[in-house]
PDB file of N, CA and C in Angstrom:
ATOM      1  N   MET A   1       0.841  -1.181   0.000  1.00  0.00           N
ATOM      2  CA  MET A   1       0.000   0.000   0.000  1.00  0.00           C
ATOM      3  C   MET A   1       0.884   1.240   0.000  1.00  0.00           C
ATOM      4  N   ALA A   2       0.509   2.222  -0.782  1.00  0.00           N
ATOM      5  CA  ALA A   2       1.259   3.479  -0.844  1.00  0.00           C
ATOM      6  C   ALA A   2       1.106   4.245   0.466  1.00  0.00           C
ATOM      7  N   ALA A   3       2.067   5.103   0.724  1.00  0.00           N
ATOM      8  CA  ALA A   3       1.985   5.955   1.914  1.00  0.00           C
ATOM      9  C   ALA A   3       0.728   6.813   1.811  1.00  0.00           C
ATOM     10  N   PRO A   4       0.037   7.031   2.922  1.00  0.00           N
ATOM     11  CA  PRO A   4      -1.196   7.814   2.860  1.00  0.00           C
ATOM     12  C   PRO A   4      -0.918   9.308   2.687  1.00  0.00           C
ATOM     13  N   LEU A   5      -1.950   9.988   2.219  1.00  0.00           N
ATOM     14  CA  LEU A   5      -1.925  11.447   2.161  1.00  0.00           C
ATOM     15  C   LEU A   5      -2.209  11.991   3.560  1.00  0.00           C
ATOM     16  N   LYS A   6      -1.675  13.125   3.864  1.00  0.00           N
ATOM     17  CA  LYS A   6      -2.091  13.867   5.050  1.00  0.00           C
ATOM     18  C   LYS A   6      -3.045  14.935   4.527  1.00  0.00           C
ATOM     19  N   VAL A   7      -4.211  15.044   5.158  1.00  0.00           N
ATOM     20  CA  VAL A   7      -5.247  15.947   4.663  1.00  0.00           C
ATOM     21  C   VAL A   7      -5.710  16.877   5.780  1.00  0.00           C
ATOM     22  N   ASN A   8      -5.813  18.157   5.457  1.00  0.00           N
ATOM     23  CA  ASN A   8      -6.372  19.157   6.367  1.00  0.00           C
ATOM     24  C   ASN A   8      -7.510  19.857   5.639  1.00  0.00           C
ATOM     25  N   VAL A   9      -8.689  19.880   6.267  1.00  0.00           N
ATOM     26  CA  VAL A   9      -9.846  20.583   5.727  1.00  0.00           C
ATOM     27  C   VAL A   9     -10.160  21.713   6.704  1.00  0.00           C
ATOM     28  N   VAL A  10     -10.087  22.945   6.203  1.00  0.00           N
ATOM     29  CA  VAL A  10     -10.174  24.119   7.066  1.00  0.00           C
ATOM     30  C   VAL A  10     -11.215  25.091   6.528  1.00  0.00           C
ATOM     31  N   SER A  11     -12.050  25.619   7.429  1.00  0.00           N
ATOM     32  CA  SER A  11     -12.955  26.705   7.043  1.00  0.00           C
ATOM     33  C   SER A  11     -12.324  28.015   7.496  1.00  0.00           C
ATOM     34  N   ALA A  12     -12.997  29.113   7.242  1.00  0.00           N
ATOM     35  CA  ALA A  12     -12.447  30.427   7.573  1.00  0.00           C
ATOM     36  C   ALA A  12     -12.161  30.579   9.065  1.00  0.00           C
ATOM     37  N   ASP A  13     -12.896  29.866   9.908  1.00  0.00           N
ATOM     38  CA  ASP A  13     -12.757  30.089  11.341  1.00  0.00           C
ATOM     39  C   ASP A  13     -12.279  28.880  12.158  1.00  0.00           C
ATOM     40  N   ARG A  14     -12.076  27.714  11.508  1.00  0.00           N
ATOM     41  CA  ARG A  14     -11.666  26.541  12.303  1.00  0.00           C
ATOM     42  C   ARG A  14     -11.190  25.405  11.410  1.00  0.00           C
ATOM     43  N   GLU A  15     -10.463  24.472  12.032  1.00  0.00           N
ATOM     44  CA  GLU A  15     -10.113  23.239  11.338  1.00  0.00           C
ATOM     45  C   GLU A  15     -11.316  22.308  11.427  1.00  0.00           C
ATOM     46  N   VAL A  16     -11.772  21.826  10.293  1.00  0.00           N
ATOM     47  CA  VAL A  16     -12.959  20.982  10.237  1.00  0.00           C
ATOM     48  C   VAL A  16     -12.587  19.509  10.374  1.00  0.00           C
ATOM     49  N   TRP A  17     -11.508  19.094   9.702  1.00  0.00           N
ATOM     50  CA  TRP A  17     -11.069  17.703   9.770  1.00  0.00           C
ATOM     51  C   TRP A  17      -9.598  17.625   9.402  1.00  0.00           C
ATOM     52  N   SER A  18      -8.900  16.697  10.043  1.00  0.00           N
ATOM     53  CA  SER A  18      -7.500  16.455   9.730  1.00  0.00           C
ATOM     54  C   SER A  18      -7.237  14.971   9.926  1.00  0.00           C
ATOM     55  N   GLY A  19      -6.501  14.376   9.015  1.00  0.00           N
ATOM     56  CA  GLY A  19      -6.191  12.961   9.159  1.00  0.00           C
ATOM     57  C   GLY A  19      -5.495  12.415   7.934  1.00  0.00           C
ATOM     58  N   GLU A  20      -5.392  11.083   7.876  1.00  0.00           N
ATOM     59  CA  GLU A  20      -4.754  10.407   6.750  1.00  0.00           C
ATOM     60  C   GLU A  20      -5.813   9.859   5.817  1.00  0.00           C
ATOM     61  N   ALA A  21      -5.507   9.905   4.530  1.00  0.00           N
ATOM     62  CA  ALA A  21      -6.448   9.441   3.512  1.00  0.00           C
ATOM     63  C   ALA A  21      -5.696   8.773   2.378  1.00  0.00           C
ATOM     64  N   THR A  22      -6.428   7.989   1.588  1.00  0.00           N
ATOM     65  CA  THR A  22      -5.842   7.357   0.414  1.00  0.00           C
ATOM     66  C   THR A  22      -6.176   8.122  -0.859  1.00  0.00           C
ATOM     67  N   MET A  23      -7.276   8.936  -0.812  1.00  0.00           N
ATOM     68  CA  MET A  23      -7.658   9.704  -1.990  1.00  0.00           C
ATOM     69  C   MET A  23      -8.542  10.876  -1.581  1.00  0.00           C
ATOM     70  N   VAL A  24      -8.420  11.980  -2.320  1.00  0.00           N
ATOM     71  CA  VAL A  24      -9.274  13.152  -2.157  1.00  0.00           C
ATOM     72  C   VAL A  24      -9.815  13.509  -3.530  1.00  0.00           C
ATOM     73  N   VAL A  25     -11.119  13.760  -3.609  1.00  0.00           N
ATOM     74  CA  VAL A  25     -11.754  14.193  -4.853  1.00  0.00           C
ATOM     75  C   VAL A  25     -12.477  15.496  -4.547  1.00  0.00           C
ATOM     76  N   ALA A  26     -12.210  16.525  -5.356  1.00  0.00           N
ATOM     77  CA  ALA A  26     -12.815  17.836  -5.117  1.00  0.00           C
ATOM     78  C   ALA A  26     -13.243  18.466  -6.431  1.00  0.00           C
ATOM     79  N   LYS A  27     -14.246  19.325  -6.348  1.00  0.00           N
ATOM     80  CA  LYS A  27     -14.739  20.060  -7.504  1.00  0.00           C
ATOM     81  C   LYS A  27     -13.985  21.391  -7.572  1.00  0.00           C
ATOM     82  N   THR A  28     -13.323  21.636  -8.702  1.00  0.00           N
ATOM     83  CA  THR A  28     -12.619  22.898  -8.902  1.00  0.00           C
ATOM     84  C   THR A  28     -13.304  23.672 -10.020  1.00  0.00           C
ATOM     85  N   VAL A  29     -12.874  24.905 -10.238  1.00  0.00           N
ATOM     86  CA  VAL A  29     -13.482  25.697 -11.304  1.00  0.00           C
ATOM     87  C   VAL A  29     -13.160  25.129 -12.683  1.00  0.00           C
ATOM     88  N   GLU A  30     -12.161  24.257 -12.780  1.00  0.00           N
ATOM     89  CA  GLU A  30     -11.800  23.633 -14.056  1.00  0.00           C
ATOM     90  C   GLU A  30     -12.314  22.210 -14.186  1.00  0.00           C
ATOM     91  N   GLY A  31     -13.041  21.720 -13.178  1.00  0.00           N
ATOM     92  CA  GLY A  31     -13.574  20.369 -13.206  1.00  0.00           C
ATOM     93  C   GLY A  31     -13.189  19.612 -11.954  1.00  0.00           C
ATOM     94  N   GLU A  32     -13.625  18.370 -11.881  1.00  0.00           N
ATOM     95  CA  GLU A  32     -13.339  17.537 -10.717  1.00  0.00           C
ATOM     96  C   GLU A  32     -11.916  16.994 -10.792  1.00  0.00           C
ATOM     97  N   ILE A  33     -11.249  16.934  -9.640  1.00  0.00           N
ATOM     98  CA  ILE A  33      -9.879  16.424  -9.588  1.00  0.00           C
ATOM     99  C   ILE A  33      -9.787  15.360  -8.504  1.00  0.00           C
ATOM    100  N   GLY A  34      -9.054  14.311  -8.809  1.00  0.00           N
ATOM    101  CA  GLY A  34      -8.777  13.261  -7.841  1.00  0.00           C
ATOM    102  C   GLY A  34      -7.291  13.272  -7.505  1.00  0.00           C
ATOM    103  N   ILE A  35      -6.981  13.162  -6.236  1.00  0.00           N
ATOM    104  CA  ILE A  35      -5.590  13.230  -5.790  1.00  0.00           C
ATOM    105  C   ILE A  35      -5.273  12.011  -4.943  1.00  0.00           C
ATOM    106  N   MET A  36      -4.160  11.358  -5.272  1.00  0.00           N
ATOM    107  CA  MET A  36      -3.647  10.234  -4.493  1.00  0.00           C
ATOM    108  C   MET A  36      -2.191  10.540  -4.144  1.00  0.00           C
ATOM    109  N   ALA A  37      -1.619   9.742  -3.261  1.00  0.00           N
ATOM    110  CA  ALA A  37      -0.223   9.936  -2.872  1.00  0.00           C
ATOM    111  C   ALA A  37       0.663   9.941  -4.113  1.00  0.00           C
ATOM    112  N   GLY A  38       1.658  10.820  -4.115  1.00  0.00           N
ATOM    113  CA  GLY A  38       2.578  10.919  -5.235  1.00  0.00           C
ATOM    114  C   GLY A  38       2.132  11.879  -6.325  1.00  0.00           C
ATOM    115  N   HIS A  39       0.951  12.480  -6.165  1.00  0.00           N
ATOM    116  CA  HIS A  39       0.446  13.428  -7.164  1.00  0.00           C
ATOM    117  C   HIS A  39       1.397  14.621  -7.263  1.00  0.00           C
ATOM    118  N   GLU A  40       1.511  15.165  -8.455  1.00  0.00           N
ATOM    119  CA  GLU A  40       2.321  16.371  -8.664  1.00  0.00           C
ATOM    120  C   GLU A  40       1.758  17.520  -7.821  1.00  0.00           C
ATOM    121  N   PRO A  41       2.603  18.444  -7.399  1.00  0.00           N
ATOM    122  CA  PRO A  41       2.095  19.612  -6.667  1.00  0.00           C
ATOM    123  C   PRO A  41       1.064  20.359  -7.509  1.00  0.00           C
ATOM    124  N   ILE A  42       0.038  20.862  -6.840  1.00  0.00           N
ATOM    125  CA  ILE A  42      -1.043  21.560  -7.534  1.00  0.00           C
ATOM    126  C   ILE A  42      -1.642  22.609  -6.607  1.00  0.00           C
ATOM    127  N   LEU A  43      -2.134  23.670  -7.189  1.00  0.00           N
ATOM    128  CA  LEU A  43      -2.924  24.676  -6.495  1.00  0.00           C
ATOM    129  C   LEU A  43      -4.148  24.914  -7.359  1.00  0.00           C
ATOM    130  N   ALA A  44      -5.343  24.706  -6.801  1.00  0.00           N
ATOM    131  CA  ALA A  44      -6.568  24.820  -7.590  1.00  0.00           C
ATOM    132  C   ALA A  44      -7.603  25.639  -6.826  1.00  0.00           C
ATOM    133  N   ILE A  45      -8.426  26.358  -7.569  1.00  0.00           N
ATOM    134  CA  ILE A  45      -9.524  27.118  -6.979  1.00  0.00           C
ATOM    135  C   ILE A  45     -10.732  26.201  -6.882  1.00  0.00           C
ATOM    136  N   LEU A  46     -11.306  26.099  -5.680  1.00  0.00           N
ATOM    137  CA  LEU A  46     -12.480  25.259  -5.485  1.00  0.00           C
ATOM    138  C   LEU A  46     -13.722  25.909  -6.050  1.00  0.00           C
ATOM    139  N   ALA A  47     -14.596  25.084  -6.594  1.00  0.00           N
ATOM    140  CA  ALA A  47     -15.949  25.491  -6.940  1.00  0.00           C
ATOM    141  C   ALA A  47     -16.845  24.994  -5.818  1.00  0.00           C
ATOM    142  N   ALA A  48     -17.960  25.644  -5.594  1.00  0.00           N
ATOM    143  CA  ALA A  48     -18.886  25.187  -4.561  1.00  0.00           C
ATOM    144  C   ALA A  48     -19.300  23.751  -4.869  1.00  0.00           C
ATOM    145  N   GLY A  49     -19.198  22.883  -3.888  1.00  0.00           N
ATOM    146  CA  GLY A  49     -19.593  21.488  -4.090  1.00  0.00           C
ATOM    147  C   GLY A  49     -18.945  20.549  -3.107  1.00  0.00           C
ATOM    148  N   GLU A  50     -18.984  19.282  -3.441  1.00  0.00           N
ATOM    149  CA  GLU A  50     -18.488  18.228  -2.556  1.00  0.00           C
ATOM    150  C   GLU A  50     -16.978  18.073  -2.608  1.00  0.00           C
ATOM    151  N   VAL A  51     -16.445  17.790  -1.443  1.00  0.00           N
ATOM    152  CA  VAL A  51     -15.075  17.297  -1.315  1.00  0.00           C
ATOM    153  C   VAL A  51     -15.216  15.919  -0.683  1.00  0.00           C
ATOM    154  N   ARG A  52     -14.723  14.893  -1.377  1.00  0.00           N
ATOM    155  CA  ARG A  52     -14.828  13.520  -0.872  1.00  0.00           C
ATOM    156  C   ARG A  52     -13.438  13.035  -0.476  1.00  0.00           C
ATOM    157  N   VAL A  53     -13.355  12.485   0.720  1.00  0.00           N
ATOM    158  CA  VAL A  53     -12.092  11.985   1.244  1.00  0.00           C
ATOM    159  C   VAL A  53     -12.261  10.511   1.564  1.00  0.00           C
ATOM    160  N   ARG A  54     -11.422   9.662   0.972  1.00  0.00           N
ATOM    161  CA  ARG A  54     -11.398   8.246   1.345  1.00  0.00           C
ATOM    162  C   ARG A  54     -10.358   8.127   2.448  1.00  0.00           C
ATOM    163  N   VAL A  55     -10.839   7.963   3.664  1.00  0.00           N
ATOM    164  CA  VAL A  55      -9.986   7.916   4.852  1.00  0.00           C
ATOM    165  C   VAL A  55      -9.153   6.631   4.830  1.00  0.00           C
ATOM    166  N   ALA A  56      -7.969   6.683   5.422  1.00  0.00           N
ATOM    167  CA  ALA A  56      -7.040   5.552   5.405  1.00  0.00           C
ATOM    168  C   ALA A  56      -7.647   4.283   5.985  1.00  0.00           C
ATOM    169  N   ASP A  57      -8.618   4.395   6.904  1.00  0.00           N
ATOM    170  CA  ASP A  57      -9.236   3.201   7.493  1.00  0.00           C
ATOM    171  C   ASP A  57     -10.322   2.594   6.604  1.00  0.00           C
ATOM    172  N   GLY A  58     -10.551   3.184   5.408  1.00  0.00           N
ATOM    173  CA  GLY A  58     -11.534   2.656   4.471  1.00  0.00           C
ATOM    174  C   GLY A  58     -12.871   3.375   4.497  1.00  0.00           C
ATOM    175  N   SER A  59     -13.106   4.192   5.504  1.00  0.00           N
ATOM    176  CA  SER A  59     -14.356   4.945   5.567  1.00  0.00           C
ATOM    177  C   SER A  59     -14.272   6.156   4.629  1.00  0.00           C
ATOM    178  N   SER A  60     -15.388   6.844   4.465  1.00  0.00           N
ATOM    179  CA  SER A  60     -15.432   8.020   3.604  1.00  0.00           C
ATOM    180  C   SER A  60     -15.915   9.222   4.389  1.00  0.00           C
ATOM    181  N   LEU A  61     -15.446  10.382   3.960  1.00  0.00           N
ATOM    182  CA  LEU A  61     -15.842  11.650   4.555  1.00  0.00           C
ATOM    183  C   LEU A  61     -16.281  12.543   3.408  1.00  0.00           C
ATOM    184  N   ILE A  62     -17.423  13.206   3.574  1.00  0.00           N
ATOM    185  CA  ILE A  62     -17.910  14.124   2.551  1.00  0.00           C
ATOM    186  C   ILE A  62     -18.121  15.478   3.201  1.00  0.00           C
ATOM    187  N   ALA A  63     -17.628  16.522   2.535  1.00  0.00           N
ATOM    188  CA  ALA A  63     -17.803  17.885   3.023  1.00  0.00           C
ATOM    189  C   ALA A  63     -18.351  18.743   1.893  1.00  0.00           C
ATOM    190  N   GLN A  64     -19.204  19.676   2.234  1.00  0.00           N
ATOM    191  CA  GLN A  64     -19.680  20.681   1.287  1.00  0.00           C
ATOM    192  C   GLN A  64     -18.806  21.913   1.501  1.00  0.00           C
ATOM    193  N   ALA A  65     -18.161  22.387   0.447  1.00  0.00           N
ATOM    194  CA  ALA A  65     -17.231  23.511   0.562  1.00  0.00           C
ATOM    195  C   ALA A  65     -17.621  24.620  -0.407  1.00  0.00           C
ATOM    196  N   ASP A  66     -17.402  25.847   0.029  1.00  0.00           N
ATOM    197  CA  ASP A  66     -17.641  27.028  -0.802  1.00  0.00           C
ATOM    198  C   ASP A  66     -16.362  27.833  -0.912  1.00  0.00           C
ATOM    199  N   ASP A  67     -16.208  28.555  -2.007  1.00  0.00           N
ATOM    200  CA  ASP A  67     -15.174  29.572  -2.176  1.00  0.00           C
ATOM    201  C   ASP A  67     -13.867  29.277  -1.451  1.00  0.00           C
ATOM    202  N   GLY A  68     -12.933  28.681  -2.124  1.00  0.00           N
ATOM    203  CA  GLY A  68     -11.658  28.418  -1.483  1.00  0.00           C
ATOM    204  C   GLY A  68     -10.641  27.863  -2.453  1.00  0.00           C
ATOM    205  N   PHE A  69      -9.675  27.149  -1.902  1.00  0.00           N
ATOM    206  CA  PHE A  69      -8.643  26.553  -2.735  1.00  0.00           C
ATOM    207  C   PHE A  69      -8.197  25.223  -2.161  1.00  0.00           C
ATOM    208  N   LEU A  70      -7.533  24.464  -3.011  1.00  0.00           N
ATOM    209  CA  LEU A  70      -6.958  23.179  -2.656  1.00  0.00           C
ATOM    210  C   LEU A  70      -5.490  23.234  -3.056  1.00  0.00           C
ATOM    211  N   SER A  71      -4.625  22.807  -2.158  1.00  0.00           N
ATOM    212  CA  SER A  71      -3.212  22.699  -2.521  1.00  0.00           C
ATOM    213  C   SER A  71      -2.726  21.304  -2.174  1.00  0.00           C
ATOM    214  N   MET A  72      -1.750  20.843  -2.967  1.00  0.00           N
ATOM    215  CA  MET A  72      -1.162  19.522  -2.769  1.00  0.00           C
ATOM    216  C   MET A  72       0.325  19.638  -3.024  1.00  0.00           C
ATOM    217  N   ALA A  73       1.130  19.217  -2.057  1.00  0.00           N
ATOM    218  CA  ALA A  73       2.577  19.152  -2.213  1.00  0.00           C
ATOM    219  C   ALA A  73       3.120  18.183  -1.171  1.00  0.00           C
ATOM    220  N   HIS A  74       4.038  17.337  -1.582  1.00  0.00           N
ATOM    221  CA  HIS A  74       4.699  16.383  -0.672  1.00  0.00           C
ATOM    222  C   HIS A  74       3.694  15.534   0.104  1.00  0.00           C
ATOM    223  N   ASP A  75       2.648  15.061  -0.591  1.00  0.00           N
ATOM    224  CA  ASP A  75       1.597  14.214  -0.009  1.00  0.00           C
ATOM    225  C   ASP A  75       0.830  14.890   1.122  1.00  0.00           C
ATOM    226  N   LEU A  76       0.771  16.205   1.112  1.00  0.00           N
ATOM    227  CA  LEU A  76      -0.043  16.979   2.047  1.00  0.00           C
ATOM    228  C   LEU A  76      -1.081  17.741   1.235  1.00  0.00           C
ATOM    229  N   VAL A  77      -2.355  17.440   1.489  1.00  0.00           N
ATOM    230  CA  VAL A  77      -3.467  18.120   0.824  1.00  0.00           C
ATOM    231  C   VAL A  77      -4.099  19.072   1.831  1.00  0.00           C
ATOM    232  N   THR A  78      -4.203  20.336   1.443  1.00  0.00           N
ATOM    233  CA  THR A  78      -4.855  21.330   2.288  1.00  0.00           C
ATOM    234  C   THR A  78      -6.014  21.922   1.516  1.00  0.00           C
ATOM    235  N   ILE A  79      -7.184  21.881   2.132  1.00  0.00           N
ATOM    236  CA  ILE A  79      -8.389  22.446   1.540  1.00  0.00           C
ATOM    237  C   ILE A  79      -8.837  23.573   2.462  1.00  0.00           C
ATOM    238  N   VAL A  80      -8.888  24.786   1.920  1.00  0.00           N
ATOM    239  CA  VAL A  80      -9.301  25.952   2.691  1.00  0.00           C
ATOM    240  C   VAL A  80     -10.500  26.569   1.982  1.00  0.00           C
ATOM    241  N   ALA A  81     -11.599  26.751   2.708  1.00  0.00           N
ATOM    242  CA  ALA A  81     -12.801  27.323   2.113  1.00  0.00           C
ATOM    243  C   ALA A  81     -13.457  28.286   3.097  1.00  0.00           C
ATOM    244  N   SER A  82     -14.198  29.221   2.568  1.00  0.00           N
ATOM    245  CA  SER A  82     -14.886  30.183   3.443  1.00  0.00           C
ATOM    246  C   SER A  82     -15.903  29.476   4.345  1.00  0.00           C
ATOM    247  N   ARG A  83     -16.518  28.408   3.821  1.00  0.00           N
ATOM    248  CA  ARG A  83     -17.478  27.631   4.606  1.00  0.00           C
ATOM    249  C   ARG A  83     -17.298  26.158   4.240  1.00  0.00           C
ATOM    250  N   VAL A  84     -17.194  25.311   5.253  1.00  0.00           N
ATOM    251  CA  VAL A  84     -17.103  23.866   5.054  1.00  0.00           C
ATOM    252  C   VAL A  84     -18.009  23.192   6.065  1.00  0.00           C
ATOM    253  N   GLU A  85     -18.855  22.281   5.590  1.00  0.00           N
ATOM    254  CA  GLU A  85     -19.718  21.506   6.483  1.00  0.00           C
ATOM    255  C   GLU A  85     -19.588  20.032   6.151  1.00  0.00           C
ATOM    256  N   LEU A  86     -19.331  19.217   7.162  1.00  0.00           N
ATOM    257  CA  LEU A  86     -19.287  17.770   6.960  1.00  0.00           C
ATOM    258  C   LEU A  86     -20.711  17.258   6.788  1.00  0.00           C
ATOM    259  N   THR A  87     -20.876  16.307   5.865  1.00  0.00           N
ATOM    260  CA  THR A  87     -22.177  15.681   5.644  1.00  0.00           C
ATOM    261  C   THR A  87     -22.008  14.185   5.809  1.00  0.00           C
ATOM    262  N   PRO A  88     -23.061  13.491   6.211  1.00  0.00           N
ATOM    263  CA  PRO A  88     -22.934  12.042   6.374  1.00  0.00           C
ATOM    264  C   PRO A  88     -22.606  11.353   5.052  1.00  0.00           C
ATOM    265  N   ALA A  89     -21.695  10.395   5.083  1.00  0.00           N
ATOM    266  CA  ALA A  89     -21.356   9.617   3.886  1.00  0.00           C
ATOM    267  C   ALA A  89     -22.447   8.592   3.668  1.00  0.00           C
ATOM    268  N   SER A  90     -22.767   8.331   2.399  1.00  0.00           N
ATOM    269  CA  SER A  90     -23.829   7.349   2.114  1.00  0.00           C
ATOM    270  C   SER A  90     -23.259   5.989   1.848  1.00  0.00           C
TER     271      SER A  90
END
């Protein structure tokens, strides 16, 4: 198994979630992007919508995010948005 990603999901006023994941999928202004360990560094502008995180333990986390950005470098994914709310995974 590849080394996990470290993921931080942050809203304007607090850290919403932090942990290890195997994949992150987010909606950007240029389309949906999927990120796994080893991905090239990227900086993207988020579009309002879902951010899906496949947690290292196999569970899933879904957040609704507005106005923000996603950055990825050295297997660290940071998602910063003006508003982020966790929603139950289906």
